[in-house]
Amino acid sequence: MSLIHLTDESFKTEISEYEGVALVDFWAPWCGPCQMVGPVIEELATEFEGKAKVGKVNVDEQQNLAEHFQIMSIPAVFVFKNGEVVDTLIGAMAKEDYKEAIQKHL
């Protein structure tokens, strides 16, 4: 299952109603730092398979979600637990930072 490409329609069932930990990367194809973070997010999806969900939201295509979460700067990576935002990491960060953010909520 690994990486999930989230839409307005799938976000509710995949993230908001999910009982557990999920990491969501808000990004856009034109964003340089997002391109650097992308492969890291994909690795995390594989590493945490069965433990946490990992998804991506293209803010250009899913503007309602970007507005709802007040995304002003990308990449913006949110950690959810049981549908609630429990952590936010703005800007490109090291893989370890994202791993720690997931692990501390598992």
Protein backbone atom coordinates (compact mmCIF):
# COMPACT_ATOMS: atom_id res chain seq x y z
CA MET A 1 0.00 0.00 0.00
CA SER A 2 2.85 2.40 0.92
CA LEU A 3 2.55 5.98 -0.39
CA ILE A 4 -0.98 7.39 -0.74
CA HIS A 5 -1.78 10.27 -3.11
CA LEU A 6 -4.49 12.14 -1.25
CA THR A 7 -7.38 14.12 -2.69
CA ASP A 8 -10.21 16.15 -1.15
CA GLU A 9 -12.35 13.03 -1.49
CA SER A 10 -9.92 10.47 -0.03
CA PHE A 11 -8.46 12.62 2.77
CA LYS A 12 -11.41 12.08 5.11
CA THR A 13 -11.36 8.29 4.96
CA GLU A 14 -7.58 7.87 4.66
CA ILE A 15 -6.47 10.42 7.28
CA SER A 16 -9.29 12.17 9.21
CA GLU A 17 -11.06 8.93 10.16
CA TYR A 18 -7.89 6.81 10.47
CA GLU A 19 -7.20 5.37 13.92
CA GLY A 20 -3.44 5.63 14.12
CA VAL A 21 -0.52 7.75 12.97
CA ALA A 22 -0.27 9.32 9.52
CA LEU A 23 2.30 11.63 7.95
CA VAL A 24 1.10 13.91 5.14
CA ASP A 25 3.38 15.90 2.85
CA PHE A 26 1.78 19.03 1.33
CA TRP A 27 3.81 19.80 -1.81
CA ALA A 28 3.75 21.11 -5.39
CA PRO A 29 5.65 19.99 -8.52
CA TRP A 30 7.25 23.45 -9.03
CA CYS A 31 8.66 23.57 -5.48
CA GLY A 32 12.41 22.78 -5.38
CA PRO A 33 12.60 21.81 -1.69
CA CYS A 34 9.51 19.62 -2.21
CA GLN A 35 11.38 17.72 -4.90
CA MET A 36 14.19 17.03 -2.40
CA VAL A 37 11.73 15.85 0.28
CA GLY A 38 9.68 13.65 -2.10
CA PRO A 39 12.05 10.64 -2.21
CA VAL A 40 12.46 10.79 1.59
CA ILE A 41 8.66 10.66 2.02
CA GLU A 42 8.53 7.65 -0.32
CA GLU A 43 11.22 5.87 1.75
CA LEU A 44 9.26 6.57 4.94
CA ALA A 45 6.11 5.12 3.35
CA THR A 46 7.99 1.85 2.81
CA GLU A 47 9.74 1.87 6.20
CA PHE A 48 6.55 2.53 8.18
CA GLU A 49 4.26 0.28 6.13
CA GLY A 50 1.87 -1.44 8.53
CA LYS A 51 2.77 1.01 11.33
CA ALA A 52 1.79 4.45 9.97
CA LYS A 53 0.17 5.83 6.83
CA VAL A 54 2.21 8.15 4.62
CA GLY A 55 0.56 10.38 2.05
CA LYS A 56 1.10 13.35 -0.22
CA VAL A 57 -1.19 16.24 -1.13
CA ASN A 58 -0.46 18.25 -4.28
CA VAL A 59 -1.55 21.74 -3.12
CA ASP A 60 -2.10 22.92 -6.72
CA GLU A 61 -4.58 20.12 -7.38
CA GLN A 62 -6.14 19.99 -3.90
CA GLN A 63 -6.62 23.65 -3.02
CA ASN A 64 -9.45 22.97 -0.56
CA LEU A 65 -7.15 20.84 1.59
CA ALA A 66 -4.37 23.44 1.36
CA GLU A 67 -6.83 26.11 2.53
CA HIS A 68 -8.28 23.93 5.27
CA PHE A 69 -4.82 23.31 6.77
CA GLN A 70 -3.73 26.92 6.09
CA ILE A 71 -0.70 25.89 4.05
CA MET A 72 1.36 29.04 3.51
CA SER A 73 4.75 27.48 2.88
CA ILE A 74 5.71 24.16 1.31
CA PRO A 75 6.88 21.55 1.86
CA ALA A 76 4.65 21.33 4.92
CA VAL A 77 4.60 17.93 6.58
CA PHE A 78 1.85 17.24 9.11
CA VAL A 79 1.69 14.30 11.49
CA PHE A 80 -1.82 13.15 12.40
CA LYS A 81 -2.86 10.83 15.22
CA ASN A 82 -6.44 9.52 15.14
CA GLY A 83 -7.33 12.27 12.65
CA GLU A 84 -5.88 15.18 14.66
CA VAL A 85 -2.78 17.20 13.75
CA VAL A 86 -0.15 16.47 16.41
CA ASP A 87 2.99 17.78 14.69
CA THR A 88 3.94 20.16 11.88
CA LEU A 89 7.29 20.39 10.09
CA ILE A 90 7.68 23.30 7.65
CA GLY A 91 10.43 23.37 5.03
CA ALA A 92 12.78 20.65 3.84
CA MET A 93 14.20 18.60 6.70
CA ALA A 94 16.38 15.56 7.21
CA LYS A 95 14.82 12.12 7.00
CA GLU A 96 15.58 11.60 10.69
CA ASP A 97 13.38 14.59 11.63
CA TYR A 98 10.40 13.05 9.84
CA LYS A 99 11.12 9.60 11.32
CA GLU A 100 11.24 11.02 14.84
CA ALA A 101 7.97 12.90 14.29
CA ILE A 102 6.25 9.63 13.32
CA GLN A 103 7.90 7.48 16.01
CA LYS A 104 7.04 9.75 18.91
CA HIS A 105 3.33 9.36 18.15
CA LEU A 106 3.24 5.62 17.41
